[in-house]
Protein backbone atom coordinates (compact mmCIF):
# COMPACT_ATOMS: atom_id res chain seq x y z
CA UNK A 1 0.16 16.92 -14.41
CA UNK A 2 0.64 15.22 -11.01
CA UNK A 3 -1.83 15.72 -8.42
CA UNK A 4 -0.64 15.12 -4.81
CA UNK A 5 -2.84 14.85 -1.86
CA UNK A 6 -1.80 14.50 1.81
CA UNK A 7 -3.77 11.73 3.34
CA UNK A 8 -2.63 11.85 6.78
CA UNK A 9 0.59 10.77 8.88
CA UNK A 10 2.78 11.18 5.55
CA UNK A 11 1.06 8.81 3.40
CA UNK A 12 0.14 10.72 -0.07
CA UNK A 13 -2.40 9.97 -2.71
CA UNK A 14 -0.83 10.59 -6.06
CA UNK A 15 -2.92 10.78 -9.17
CA UNK A 16 -1.14 11.69 -12.75
CA UNK A 17 -2.92 12.84 -15.68
CA UNK A 18 -4.37 11.17 -18.15
CA UNK A 19 -4.89 12.09 -21.60
CA UNK A 20 -7.65 10.38 -23.55
CA UNK A 21 -9.44 10.30 -26.66
CA UNK A 22 -11.83 7.69 -28.45
CA UNK A 23 -9.29 4.96 -28.39
CA UNK A 24 -8.71 5.08 -24.80
CA UNK A 25 -6.01 6.76 -22.98
CA UNK A 26 -2.27 7.57 -21.79
CA UNK A 27 -0.73 8.14 -18.45
CA UNK A 28 2.59 8.74 -17.10
CA UNK A 29 2.36 6.53 -13.75
CA UNK A 30 5.90 7.77 -12.33
CA UNK A 31 8.05 10.35 -13.49
CA UNK A 32 11.06 11.33 -11.15
CA UNK A 33 11.33 14.92 -12.22
CA UNK A 34 7.61 15.38 -11.55
CA UNK A 35 7.42 13.81 -8.42
CA UNK A 36 10.75 15.43 -7.04
CA UNK A 37 9.02 18.59 -8.12
CA UNK A 38 6.27 17.71 -5.06
CA UNK A 39 9.02 16.72 -2.92
CA UNK A 40 8.82 12.92 -3.50
CA UNK A 41 12.57 11.96 -4.08
CA UNK A 42 13.22 8.06 -3.15
CA UNK A 43 14.57 5.79 -5.48
CA UNK A 44 12.53 2.90 -6.82
CA UNK A 45 14.70 -0.55 -7.52
CA UNK A 46 11.81 -3.13 -7.84
CA UNK A 47 8.40 -3.52 -9.27
CA UNK A 48 6.18 -6.12 -7.89
CA UNK A 49 2.60 -7.26 -9.06
CA UNK A 50 0.04 -9.32 -7.55
CA UNK A 51 -3.26 -11.17 -8.69
CA UNK A 52 -5.97 -11.56 -6.78
CA UNK A 53 -8.76 -13.90 -8.51
CA UNK A 54 -11.39 -13.37 -5.86
CA UNK A 55 -13.20 -10.51 -4.03
CA UNK A 56 -11.94 -10.48 -0.25
CA UNK A 57 -8.66 -11.53 -0.44
CA UNK A 58 -6.41 -9.59 2.18
CA UNK A 59 -2.90 -9.42 1.85
CA UNK A 60 -0.98 -7.67 4.70
CA UNK A 61 -0.34 -5.78 6.89
CA UNK A 62 3.35 -6.09 5.53
CA UNK A 63 6.48 -4.31 6.01
CA UNK A 64 10.50 -4.72 5.93
CA UNK A 65 12.81 -3.66 8.86
CA UNK A 66 16.02 -1.89 8.28
CA UNK A 67 18.23 -2.19 6.50
CA UNK A 68 15.92 -3.42 3.66
CA UNK A 69 12.75 -1.11 4.59
CA UNK A 70 10.67 -0.38 1.49
CA UNK A 71 8.96 3.02 0.34
CA UNK A 72 5.74 1.75 -1.75
CA UNK A 73 4.23 3.17 -4.85
CA UNK A 74 1.00 1.07 -5.17
CA UNK A 75 -1.52 1.42 -8.07
CA UNK A 76 -4.18 -0.96 -9.48
CA UNK A 77 -4.16 -1.94 -13.00
CA UNK A 78 -7.61 -3.81 -13.20
CA UNK A 79 -10.02 -3.90 -10.22
CA UNK A 80 -10.43 -1.99 -6.87
CA UNK A 81 -8.79 -2.49 -3.66
CA UNK A 82 -9.18 -0.83 -0.45
CA UNK A 83 -5.31 0.10 1.01
CA UNK A 84 -4.30 0.32 4.28
CA UNK A 85 -0.86 2.14 5.76
CA UNK A 86 -0.24 1.74 9.72
CA UNK A 87 2.63 3.83 11.27
CA UNK A 88 4.51 1.39 13.04
CA UNK A 89 7.62 3.89 14.06
CA UNK A 90 7.54 3.13 17.81
CA UNK A 91 9.08 7.06 18.62
CA UNK A 92 6.37 8.59 16.37
CA UNK A 93 3.25 10.55 17.90
CA UNK A 94 0.93 8.90 15.82
CA UNK A 95 2.44 5.41 16.20
CA UNK A 96 -0.61 2.85 15.51
CA UNK A 97 -2.39 5.28 13.41
CA UNK A 98 -3.53 4.23 10.03
CA UNK A 99 -5.19 5.90 7.01
CA UNK A 100 -6.81 4.31 4.19
CA UNK A 101 -7.58 5.03 0.44
CA UNK A 102 -9.70 3.06 -2.05
CA UNK A 103 -7.28 2.55 -5.00
CA UNK A 104 -8.70 1.66 -8.53
CA UNK A 105 -7.88 1.19 -11.70
CA UNK A 106 -10.70 3.31 -13.22
CA UNK A 107 -9.46 6.47 -11.17
CA UNK A 108 -5.74 5.77 -11.82
CA UNK A 109 -4.99 6.94 -8.60
CA UNK A 110 -1.79 5.65 -6.36
CA UNK A 111 -0.84 5.18 -2.85
CA UNK A 112 2.48 6.34 -1.50
CA UNK A 113 3.52 4.22 1.83
CA UNK A 114 6.88 5.70 3.16
CA UNK A 115 9.25 3.41 4.92
CA UNK A 116 8.26 2.92 8.69
CA UNK A 117 4.67 1.87 7.88
CA UNK A 118 3.00 -1.54 7.49
CA UNK A 119 0.75 -1.73 4.21
CA UNK A 120 -2.22 -3.97 3.48
CA UNK A 121 -5.14 -4.16 1.00
CA UNK A 122 -8.16 -5.80 0.63
CA UNK A 123 -9.69 -6.61 -2.89
CA UNK A 124 -12.99 -5.06 -3.71
CA UNK A 125 -13.51 -7.27 -7.14
CA UNK A 126 -12.71 -10.11 -8.57
CA UNK A 127 -9.55 -10.37 -11.12
CA UNK A 128 -7.45 -7.56 -9.27
CA UNK A 129 -4.24 -7.01 -10.25
CA UNK A 130 -1.98 -4.55 -7.79
CA UNK A 131 1.21 -3.13 -9.31
CA UNK A 132 3.78 -1.33 -6.73
CA UNK A 133 7.29 0.00 -6.83
CA UNK A 134 9.48 -0.27 -4.03
CA UNK A 135 12.75 1.36 -2.70
CA UNK A 136 14.38 -1.74 -1.36
CA UNK A 137 15.15 -5.23 -2.49
CA UNK A 138 13.06 -7.89 -0.88
CA UNK A 139 14.76 -9.22 1.99
CA UNK A 140 13.59 -12.68 3.72
CA UNK A 141 15.45 -11.76 6.76
CA UNK A 142 13.80 -8.54 7.20
CA UNK A 143 10.34 -9.34 6.01
CA UNK A 144 7.69 -8.88 8.83
CA UNK A 145 3.99 -8.57 9.28
CA UNK A 146 1.37 -7.68 11.71
CA UNK A 147 -2.30 -9.13 11.98
CA UNK A 148 -4.91 -7.16 10.12
CA UNK A 149 -7.34 -7.34 12.66
CA UNK A 150 -5.55 -6.34 15.64
CA UNK A 151 -7.85 -4.64 17.93
CA UNK A 152 -5.39 -2.05 19.11
CA UNK A 153 -5.18 -0.67 15.56
CA UNK A 154 -8.76 -0.90 15.06
CA UNK A 155 -8.29 -0.62 11.15
CA UNK A 156 -12.14 -0.43 9.78
CA UNK A 157 -12.07 -2.76 7.23
CA UNK A 158 -15.00 -2.70 4.65
CA UNK A 159 -17.65 -5.05 5.41
CA UNK A 160 -18.29 -7.61 2.08
CA UNK A 161 -20.47 -10.12 0.87
CA UNK A 162 -17.79 -12.60 1.07
CA UNK A 163 -15.27 -14.13 3.90
CA UNK A 164 -11.83 -12.40 3.70
CA UNK A 165 -9.17 -14.78 2.10
CA UNK A 166 -5.76 -14.84 3.67
CA UNK A 167 -2.46 -16.42 3.50
CA UNK A 168 -1.29 -19.02 6.05
CA UNK A 169 1.49 -16.27 7.10
CA UNK A 170 -1.13 -13.63 7.30
CA UNK A 171 -3.53 -15.74 9.28
CA UNK A 172 -0.78 -16.10 12.18
CA UNK A 173 0.69 -12.71 12.02
CA UNK A 174 1.92 -11.62 15.45
CA UNK A 175 -0.45 -8.50 16.72
CA UNK A 176 1.57 -4.80 17.18
CA UNK A 177 2.34 -5.76 20.87
CA UNK A 178 4.74 -8.09 20.22
CA UNK A 179 5.92 -7.50 16.66
CA UNK A 180 9.23 -6.15 15.61
CA UNK A 181 8.84 -2.43 14.44
CA UNK A 182 11.23 0.21 13.63
CA UNK A 183 12.71 2.41 16.56
């Protein structure tokens, strides 16, 4: 069983079935045939994982340009995140629009962020572990980011009882107006 929900802009929520008993549960987090049955056909080539010790860690908004653009299938192994995908395809009718989803270990849901989108997330709990599959290998030359608080995007990040923590790279990221994006 695999449930697929359209969030808008071509971003999908994916909820794999869970089979449980008094010992716990089993879930198939990725099955190529089941994904293809829902029209999802990208090939994943790399798995990544991040650990955030504290609540309020904000990672993003990140993306890679061609020829190393990446589709991302994101899930949470421990904790909860507020996940955001921003359309940065300049020719798109939804350029600069965004969607969000709370992704949690408890629910086991995932978010599929297509190429052409900037992606970021905010940890909502301490000790959050995020795992994601990508369809392109990491490339320093193609790696880009956009400020999470760009007012032209107006992403509605949750208010927390802690200050957001950003990497140096994310704290000096360019605004969308001066970022190199997908044409």
